[in-house]
Amino acid sequence: MSTHNSPATQPLNEQLLVDALRNADPDATVSIESATGQLNVSTVLSQHDILEILGGLGVLAAPTDSHPDAGHQGGQCCGSCG
């Protein structure tokens, strides 16, 4: 899971983001909290890959440490999420 902050004032086209991320990882799950603009992604992609995809769409994003598995690399799991 990767969690990224995107400023709430930045207009987001959720379907465009979902499509771009799923193009790179068809099994990715993506959600955007409309109130905060926080993007949550469950994927095998690395943070670098996610940020590169978002940047290519003109989205300014940064990883947060608010999720228990923040800092994991794509596909890695410590087993404490579930």
PDB file of N, CA and C in Angstrom:
ATOM      1  N   MET A   1       0.855  -1.168   0.000  1.00  0.00           N
ATOM      2  CA  MET A   1       0.000   0.000   0.000  1.00  0.00           C
ATOM      3  C   MET A   1       0.893   1.219   0.000  1.00  0.00           C
ATOM      4  N   SER A   2       0.607   2.124  -0.840  1.00  0.00           N
ATOM      5  CA  SER A   2       1.282   3.413  -0.845  1.00  0.00           C
ATOM      6  C   SER A   2       0.240   4.483  -0.630  1.00  0.00           C
ATOM      7  N   THR A   3       0.556   5.428   0.205  1.00  0.00           N
ATOM      8  CA  THR A   3      -0.338   6.541   0.460  1.00  0.00           C
ATOM      9  C   THR A   3       0.374   7.812   0.067  1.00  0.00           C
ATOM     10  N   HIS A   4      -0.260   8.629  -0.725  1.00  0.00           N
ATOM     11  CA  HIS A   4       0.346   9.845  -1.234  1.00  0.00           C
ATOM     12  C   HIS A   4      -0.590  11.008  -0.999  1.00  0.00           C
ATOM     13  N   ASN A   5      -0.034  12.122  -0.593  1.00  0.00           N
ATOM     14  CA  ASN A   5      -0.824  13.335  -0.428  1.00  0.00           C
ATOM     15  C   ASN A   5      -0.798  14.133  -1.711  1.00  0.00           C
ATOM     16  N   SER A   6      -1.936  14.631  -2.069  1.00  0.00           N
ATOM     17  CA  SER A   6      -2.071  15.521  -3.205  1.00  0.00           C
ATOM     18  C   SER A   6      -2.905  16.687  -2.712  1.00  0.00           C
ATOM     19  N   PRO A   7      -2.463  17.901  -2.902  1.00  0.00           N
ATOM     20  CA  PRO A   7      -3.208  19.035  -2.352  1.00  0.00           C
ATOM     21  C   PRO A   7      -4.678  19.008  -2.733  1.00  0.00           C
ATOM     22  N   ALA A   8      -5.545  19.250  -1.761  1.00  0.00           N
ATOM     23  CA  ALA A   8      -6.990  19.191  -1.997  1.00  0.00           C
ATOM     24  C   ALA A   8      -7.433  20.210  -3.037  1.00  0.00           C
ATOM     25  N   THR A   9      -6.665  21.273  -3.207  1.00  0.00           N
ATOM     26  CA  THR A   9      -7.033  22.291  -4.187  1.00  0.00           C
ATOM     27  C   THR A   9      -6.675  21.865  -5.607  1.00  0.00           C
ATOM     28  N   GLN A  10      -5.886  20.809  -5.726  1.00  0.00           N
ATOM     29  CA  GLN A  10      -5.479  20.334  -7.049  1.00  0.00           C
ATOM     30  C   GLN A  10      -6.601  19.474  -7.628  1.00  0.00           C
ATOM     31  N   PRO A  11      -7.166  19.869  -8.767  1.00  0.00           N
ATOM     32  CA  PRO A  11      -8.251  19.081  -9.332  1.00  0.00           C
ATOM     33  C   PRO A  11      -7.749  17.716  -9.783  1.00  0.00           C
ATOM     34  N   LEU A  12      -8.448  16.679  -9.394  1.00  0.00           N
ATOM     35  CA  LEU A  12      -8.036  15.325  -9.740  1.00  0.00           C
ATOM     36  C   LEU A  12      -9.120  14.653 -10.566  1.00  0.00           C
ATOM     37  N   ASN A  13      -8.714  13.983 -11.596  1.00  0.00           N
ATOM     38  CA  ASN A  13      -9.618  13.152 -12.365  1.00  0.00           C
ATOM     39  C   ASN A  13      -9.332  11.728 -11.908  1.00  0.00           C
ATOM     40  N   GLU A  14     -10.158  11.235 -10.989  1.00  0.00           N
ATOM     41  CA  GLU A  14      -9.905   9.938 -10.372  1.00  0.00           C
ATOM     42  C   GLU A  14      -9.781   8.825 -11.409  1.00  0.00           C
ATOM     43  N   GLN A  15     -10.640   8.802 -12.399  1.00  0.00           N
ATOM     44  CA  GLN A  15     -10.595   7.724 -13.388  1.00  0.00           C
ATOM     45  C   GLN A  15      -9.290   7.754 -14.182  1.00  0.00           C
ATOM     46  N   LEU A  16      -8.789   8.943 -14.482  1.00  0.00           N
ATOM     47  CA  LEU A  16      -7.517   9.075 -15.192  1.00  0.00           C
ATOM     48  C   LEU A  16      -6.378   8.482 -14.357  1.00  0.00           C
ATOM     49  N   LEU A  17      -6.372   8.770 -13.050  1.00  0.00           N
ATOM     50  CA  LEU A  17      -5.347   8.223 -12.166  1.00  0.00           C
ATOM     51  C   LEU A  17      -5.459   6.704 -12.066  1.00  0.00           C
ATOM     52  N   VAL A  18      -6.673   6.223 -11.875  1.00  0.00           N
ATOM     53  CA  VAL A  18      -6.899   4.778 -11.769  1.00  0.00           C
ATOM     54  C   VAL A  18      -6.428   4.083 -13.040  1.00  0.00           C
ATOM     55  N   ASP A  19      -6.820   4.615 -14.189  1.00  0.00           N
ATOM     56  CA  ASP A  19      -6.435   4.009 -15.462  1.00  0.00           C
ATOM     57  C   ASP A  19      -4.921   3.988 -15.644  1.00  0.00           C
ATOM     58  N   ALA A  20      -4.258   5.079 -15.299  1.00  0.00           N
ATOM     59  CA  ALA A  20      -2.802   5.148 -15.465  1.00  0.00           C
ATOM     60  C   ALA A  20      -2.098   4.160 -14.544  1.00  0.00           C
ATOM     61  N   LEU A  21      -2.538   4.068 -13.302  1.00  0.00           N
ATOM     62  CA  LEU A  21      -1.907   3.138 -12.366  1.00  0.00           C
ATOM     63  C   LEU A  21      -2.210   1.690 -12.740  1.00  0.00           C
ATOM     64  N   ARG A  22      -3.424   1.417 -13.169  1.00  0.00           N
ATOM     65  CA  ARG A  22      -3.782   0.045 -13.563  1.00  0.00           C
ATOM     66  C   ARG A  22      -3.168  -0.347 -14.899  1.00  0.00           C
ATOM     67  N   ASN A  23      -2.782   0.618 -15.692  1.00  0.00           N
ATOM     68  CA  ASN A  23      -2.055   0.306 -16.916  1.00  0.00           C
ATOM     69  C   ASN A  23      -0.709  -0.322 -16.564  1.00  0.00           C
ATOM     70  N   ALA A  24      -0.103   0.164 -15.484  1.00  0.00           N
ATOM     71  CA  ALA A  24       1.180  -0.361 -15.030  1.00  0.00           C
ATOM     72  C   ALA A  24       1.000  -1.592 -14.145  1.00  0.00           C
ATOM     73  N   ASP A  25      -0.097  -1.668 -13.401  1.00  0.00           N
ATOM     74  CA  ASP A  25      -0.404  -2.816 -12.535  1.00  0.00           C
ATOM     75  C   ASP A  25      -1.914  -3.054 -12.598  1.00  0.00           C
ATOM     76  N   PRO A  26      -2.338  -3.997 -13.441  1.00  0.00           N
ATOM     77  CA  PRO A  26      -3.774  -4.243 -13.626  1.00  0.00           C
ATOM     78  C   PRO A  26      -4.520  -4.620 -12.344  1.00  0.00           C
ATOM     79  N   ASP A  27      -3.804  -5.115 -11.324  1.00  0.00           N
ATOM     80  CA  ASP A  27      -4.453  -5.524 -10.087  1.00  0.00           C
ATOM     81  C   ASP A  27      -4.430  -4.442  -9.004  1.00  0.00           C
ATOM     82  N   ALA A  28      -3.939  -3.259  -9.343  1.00  0.00           N
ATOM     83  CA  ALA A  28      -3.854  -2.178  -8.361  1.00  0.00           C
ATOM     84  C   ALA A  28      -5.254  -1.762  -7.909  1.00  0.00           C
ATOM     85  N   THR A  29      -5.366  -1.436  -6.629  1.00  0.00           N
ATOM     86  CA  THR A  29      -6.584  -0.819  -6.131  1.00  0.00           C
ATOM     87  C   THR A  29      -6.240   0.619  -5.768  1.00  0.00           C
ATOM     88  N   VAL A  30      -7.094   1.520  -6.174  1.00  0.00           N
ATOM     89  CA  VAL A  30      -6.826   2.946  -6.027  1.00  0.00           C
ATOM     90  C   VAL A  30      -8.055   3.627  -5.452  1.00  0.00           C
ATOM     91  N   SER A  31      -7.835   4.473  -4.446  1.00  0.00           N
ATOM     92  CA  SER A  31      -8.932   5.282  -3.926  1.00  0.00           C
ATOM     93  C   SER A  31      -8.403   6.673  -3.615  1.00  0.00           C
ATOM     94  N   ILE A  32      -9.285   7.647  -3.763  1.00  0.00           N
ATOM     95  CA  ILE A  32      -8.941   9.041  -3.471  1.00  0.00           C
ATOM     96  C   ILE A  32      -9.960   9.560  -2.470  1.00  0.00           C
ATOM     97  N   GLU A  33      -9.472  10.063  -1.349  1.00  0.00           N
ATOM     98  CA  GLU A  33     -10.352  10.669  -0.358  1.00  0.00           C
ATOM     99  C   GLU A  33     -10.673  12.084  -0.840  1.00  0.00           C
ATOM    100  N   SER A  34     -11.922  12.289  -1.198  1.00  0.00           N
ATOM    101  CA  SER A  34     -12.304  13.562  -1.815  1.00  0.00           C
ATOM    102  C   SER A  34     -12.084  14.761  -0.895  1.00  0.00           C
ATOM    103  N   ALA A  35     -12.246  14.591   0.394  1.00  0.00           N
ATOM    104  CA  ALA A  35     -12.098  15.720   1.320  1.00  0.00           C
ATOM    105  C   ALA A  35     -10.654  16.182   1.451  1.00  0.00           C
ATOM    106  N   THR A  36      -9.714  15.233   1.368  1.00  0.00           N
ATOM    107  CA  THR A  36      -8.308  15.567   1.593  1.00  0.00           C
ATOM    108  C   THR A  36      -7.449  15.479   0.347  1.00  0.00           C
ATOM    109  N   GLY A  37      -7.930  14.769  -0.670  1.00  0.00           N
ATOM    110  CA  GLY A  37      -7.123  14.549  -1.854  1.00  0.00           C
ATOM    111  C   GLY A  37      -6.098  13.449  -1.666  1.00  0.00           C
ATOM    112  N   GLN A  38      -6.192  12.715  -0.541  1.00  0.00           N
ATOM    113  CA  GLN A  38      -5.227  11.648  -0.288  1.00  0.00           C
ATOM    114  C   GLN A  38      -5.504  10.472  -1.207  1.00  0.00           C
ATOM    115  N   LEU A  39      -4.468  10.001  -1.845  1.00  0.00           N
ATOM    116  CA  LEU A  39      -4.530   8.883  -2.772  1.00  0.00           C
ATOM    117  C   LEU A  39      -3.980   7.654  -2.076  1.00  0.00           C
ATOM    118  N   ASN A  40      -4.765   6.583  -2.048  1.00  0.00           N
ATOM    119  CA  ASN A  40      -4.329   5.317  -1.466  1.00  0.00           C
ATOM    120  C   ASN A  40      -4.209   4.301  -2.585  1.00  0.00           C
ATOM    121  N   VAL A  41      -3.054   3.645  -2.663  1.00  0.00           N
ATOM    122  CA  VAL A  41      -2.799   2.700  -3.734  1.00  0.00           C
ATOM    123  C   VAL A  41      -2.273   1.400  -3.140  1.00  0.00           C
ATOM    124  N   SER A  42      -2.908   0.306  -3.517  1.00  0.00           N
ATOM    125  CA  SER A  42      -2.407  -1.014  -3.170  1.00  0.00           C
ATOM    126  C   SER A  42      -1.908  -1.628  -4.469  1.00  0.00           C
ATOM    127  N   THR A  43      -0.596  -1.858  -4.550  1.00  0.00           N
ATOM    128  CA  THR A  43       0.016  -2.233  -5.818  1.00  0.00           C
ATOM    129  C   THR A  43       1.356  -2.915  -5.590  1.00  0.00           C
ATOM    130  N   VAL A  44       1.839  -3.562  -6.627  1.00  0.00           N
ATOM    131  CA  VAL A  44       3.191  -4.122  -6.587  1.00  0.00           C
ATOM    132  C   VAL A  44       4.214  -3.091  -7.065  1.00  0.00           C
ATOM    133  N   LEU A  45       3.734  -1.944  -7.531  1.00  0.00           N
ATOM    134  CA  LEU A  45       4.634  -0.893  -8.010  1.00  0.00           C
ATOM    135  C   LEU A  45       5.394  -0.271  -6.849  1.00  0.00           C
ATOM    136  N   SER A  46       6.595   0.204  -7.116  1.00  0.00           N
ATOM    137  CA  SER A  46       7.371   0.909  -6.095  1.00  0.00           C
ATOM    138  C   SER A  46       6.853   2.336  -5.948  1.00  0.00           C
ATOM    139  N   GLN A  47       7.215   2.971  -4.837  1.00  0.00           N
ATOM    140  CA  GLN A  47       6.853   4.378  -4.651  1.00  0.00           C
ATOM    141  C   GLN A  47       7.386   5.214  -5.809  1.00  0.00           C
ATOM    142  N   HIS A  48       8.608   4.930  -6.233  1.00  0.00           N
ATOM    143  CA  HIS A  48       9.199   5.672  -7.339  1.00  0.00           C
ATOM    144  C   HIS A  48       8.325   5.556  -8.588  1.00  0.00           C
ATOM    145  N   ASP A  49       7.881   4.334  -8.896  1.00  0.00           N
ATOM    146  CA  ASP A  49       7.037   4.129 -10.074  1.00  0.00           C
ATOM    147  C   ASP A  49       5.723   4.894  -9.959  1.00  0.00           C
ATOM    148  N   ILE A  50       5.117   4.850  -8.772  1.00  0.00           N
ATOM    149  CA  ILE A  50       3.852   5.552  -8.560  1.00  0.00           C
ATOM    150  C   ILE A  50       4.038   7.054  -8.744  1.00  0.00           C
ATOM    151  N   LEU A  51       5.080   7.595  -8.120  1.00  0.00           N
ATOM    152  CA  LEU A  51       5.334   9.033  -8.237  1.00  0.00           C
ATOM    153  C   LEU A  51       5.636   9.434  -9.674  1.00  0.00           C
ATOM    154  N   GLU A  52       6.320   8.561 -10.404  1.00  0.00           N
ATOM    155  CA  GLU A  52       6.622   8.845 -11.814  1.00  0.00           C
ATOM    156  C   GLU A  52       5.339   8.877 -12.646  1.00  0.00           C
ATOM    157  N   ILE A  53       4.447   7.925 -12.409  1.00  0.00           N
ATOM    158  CA  ILE A  53       3.175   7.884 -13.131  1.00  0.00           C
ATOM    159  C   ILE A  53       2.347   9.133 -12.805  1.00  0.00           C
ATOM    160  N   LEU A  54       2.242   9.449 -11.518  1.00  0.00           N
ATOM    161  CA  LEU A  54       1.468  10.625 -11.112  1.00  0.00           C
ATOM    162  C   LEU A  54       2.080  11.907 -11.666  1.00  0.00           C
ATOM    163  N   GLY A  55       3.395  12.002 -11.613  1.00  0.00           N
ATOM    164  CA  GLY A  55       4.075  13.173 -12.155  1.00  0.00           C
ATOM    165  C   GLY A  55       3.821  13.342 -13.637  1.00  0.00           C
ATOM    166  N   GLY A  56       3.768  12.227 -14.361  1.00  0.00           N
ATOM    167  CA  GLY A  56       3.477  12.270 -15.787  1.00  0.00           C
ATOM    168  C   GLY A  56       2.087  12.795 -16.087  1.00  0.00           C
ATOM    169  N   LEU A  57       1.209  12.709 -15.077  1.00  0.00           N
ATOM    170  CA  LEU A  57      -0.153  13.233 -15.226  1.00  0.00           C
ATOM    171  C   LEU A  57      -0.270  14.653 -14.684  1.00  0.00           C
ATOM    172  N   GLY A  58       0.861  15.207 -14.226  1.00  0.00           N
ATOM    173  CA  GLY A  58       0.851  16.558 -13.686  1.00  0.00           C
ATOM    174  C   GLY A  58       0.386  16.638 -12.243  1.00  0.00           C
ATOM    175  N   VAL A  59       0.382  15.501 -11.547  1.00  0.00           N
ATOM    176  CA  VAL A  59      -0.058  15.460 -10.156  1.00  0.00           C
ATOM    177  C   VAL A  59       1.158  15.565  -9.249  1.00  0.00           C
ATOM    178  N   LEU A  60       1.133  16.552  -8.370  1.00  0.00           N
ATOM    179  CA  LEU A  60       2.187  16.686  -7.375  1.00  0.00           C
ATOM    180  C   LEU A  60       1.800  15.834  -6.177  1.00  0.00           C
ATOM    181  N   ALA A  61       2.599  14.829  -5.866  1.00  0.00           N
ATOM    182  CA  ALA A  61       2.274  13.922  -4.769  1.00  0.00           C
ATOM    183  C   ALA A  61       3.539  13.601  -3.994  1.00  0.00           C
ATOM    184  N   ALA A  62       3.351  13.243  -2.745  1.00  0.00           N
ATOM    185  CA  ALA A  62       4.455  12.839  -1.890  1.00  0.00           C
ATOM    186  C   ALA A  62       3.971  11.727  -0.982  1.00  0.00           C
ATOM    187  N   PRO A  63       4.804  10.723  -0.754  1.00  0.00           N
ATOM    188  CA  PRO A  63       4.407   9.640   0.160  1.00  0.00           C
ATOM    189  C   PRO A  63       4.212  10.189   1.572  1.00  0.00           C
ATOM    190  N   THR A  64       3.324   9.559   2.306  1.00  0.00           N
ATOM    191  CA  THR A  64       3.117   9.935   3.707  1.00  0.00           C
ATOM    192  C   THR A  64       3.536   8.776   4.589  1.00  0.00           C
ATOM    193  N   ASP A  65       3.680   9.057   5.862  1.00  0.00           N
ATOM    194  CA  ASP A  65       3.990   8.010   6.832  1.00  0.00           C
ATOM    195  C   ASP A  65       2.771   7.673   7.664  1.00  0.00           C
ATOM    196  N   SER A  66       1.582   8.015   7.173  1.00  0.00           N
ATOM    197  CA  SER A  66       0.373   7.830   7.962  1.00  0.00           C
ATOM    198  C   SER A  66      -0.181   6.417   7.902  1.00  0.00           C
ATOM    199  N   HIS A  67       0.326   5.588   7.024  1.00  0.00           N
ATOM    200  CA  HIS A  67      -0.169   4.226   6.903  1.00  0.00           C
ATOM    201  C   HIS A  67       0.825   3.279   7.555  1.00  0.00           C
ATOM    202  N   PRO A  68       0.349   2.207   8.215  1.00  0.00           N
ATOM    203  CA  PRO A  68       1.252   1.315   8.933  1.00  0.00           C
ATOM    204  C   PRO A  68       2.321   0.666   8.077  1.00  0.00           C
ATOM    205  N   ASP A  69       2.087   0.530   6.773  1.00  0.00           N
ATOM    206  CA  ASP A  69       3.100  -0.110   5.946  1.00  0.00           C
ATOM    207  C   ASP A  69       3.858   0.891   5.089  1.00  0.00           C
ATOM    208  N   ALA A  70       3.810   2.159   5.450  1.00  0.00           N
ATOM    209  CA  ALA A  70       4.535   3.174   4.695  1.00  0.00           C
ATOM    210  C   ALA A  70       6.015   2.797   4.662  1.00  0.00           C
ATOM    211  N   GLY A  71       6.622   2.976   3.540  1.00  0.00           N
ATOM    212  CA  GLY A  71       8.031   2.661   3.395  1.00  0.00           C
ATOM    213  C   GLY A  71       8.282   1.310   2.761  1.00  0.00           C
ATOM    214  N   HIS A  72       7.227   0.505   2.609  1.00  0.00           N
ATOM    215  CA  HIS A  72       7.408  -0.778   1.930  1.00  0.00           C
ATOM    216  C   HIS A  72       7.726  -0.547   0.466  1.00  0.00           C
ATOM    217  N   GLN A  73       8.519  -1.395  -0.058  1.00  0.00           N
ATOM    218  CA  GLN A  73       8.769  -1.390  -1.490  1.00  0.00           C
ATOM    219  C   GLN A  73       7.656  -2.183  -2.161  1.00  0.00           C
ATOM    220  N   GLY A  74       7.464  -1.993  -3.453  1.00  0.00           N
ATOM    221  CA  GLY A  74       6.428  -2.692  -4.176  1.00  0.00           C
ATOM    222  C   GLY A  74       6.512  -4.194  -3.980  1.00  0.00           C
ATOM    223  N   GLY A  75       5.398  -4.825  -3.610  1.00  0.00           N
ATOM    224  CA  GLY A  75       5.320  -6.262  -3.479  1.00  0.00           C
ATOM    225  C   GLY A  75       5.810  -6.814  -2.157  1.00  0.00           C
ATOM    226  N   GLN A  76       6.418  -6.013  -1.300  1.00  0.00           N
ATOM    227  CA  GLN A  76       6.921  -6.508  -0.032  1.00  0.00           C
ATOM    228  C   GLN A  76       5.834  -6.438   1.022  1.00  0.00           C
ATOM    229  N   CYS A  77       5.811  -7.399   1.912  1.00  0.00           N
ATOM    230  CA  CYS A  77       4.832  -7.405   2.985  1.00  0.00           C
ATOM    231  C   CYS A  77       5.449  -7.980   4.235  1.00  0.00           C
ATOM    232  N   CYS A  78       5.227  -7.324   5.352  1.00  0.00           N
ATOM    233  CA  CYS A  78       5.750  -7.822   6.629  1.00  0.00           C
ATOM    234  C   CYS A  78       4.731  -8.703   7.325  1.00  0.00           C
ATOM    235  N   GLY A  79       3.495  -8.763   6.797  1.00  0.00           N
ATOM    236  CA  GLY A  79       2.468  -9.618   7.362  1.00  0.00           C
ATOM    237  C   GLY A  79       1.654  -8.978   8.464  1.00  0.00           C
ATOM    238  N   SER A  80       1.904  -7.721   8.799  1.00  0.00           N
ATOM    239  CA  SER A  80       1.181  -7.100   9.902  1.00  0.00           C
ATOM    240  C   SER A  80      -0.029  -6.289   9.447  1.00  0.00           C
ATOM    241  N   CYS A  81      -0.328  -6.267   8.170  1.00  0.00           N
ATOM    242  CA  CYS A  81      -1.434  -5.454   7.662  1.00  0.00           C
ATOM    243  C   CYS A  81      -2.799  -6.073   7.925  1.00  0.00           C
ATOM    244  N   GLY A  82      -2.907  -7.365   8.005  1.00  0.00           N
ATOM    245  CA  GLY A  82      -4.219  -7.968   8.109  1.00  0.00           C
ATOM    246  C   GLY A  82      -4.333  -8.830   9.257  1.00  0.00           C
TER     247      GLY A  82
END
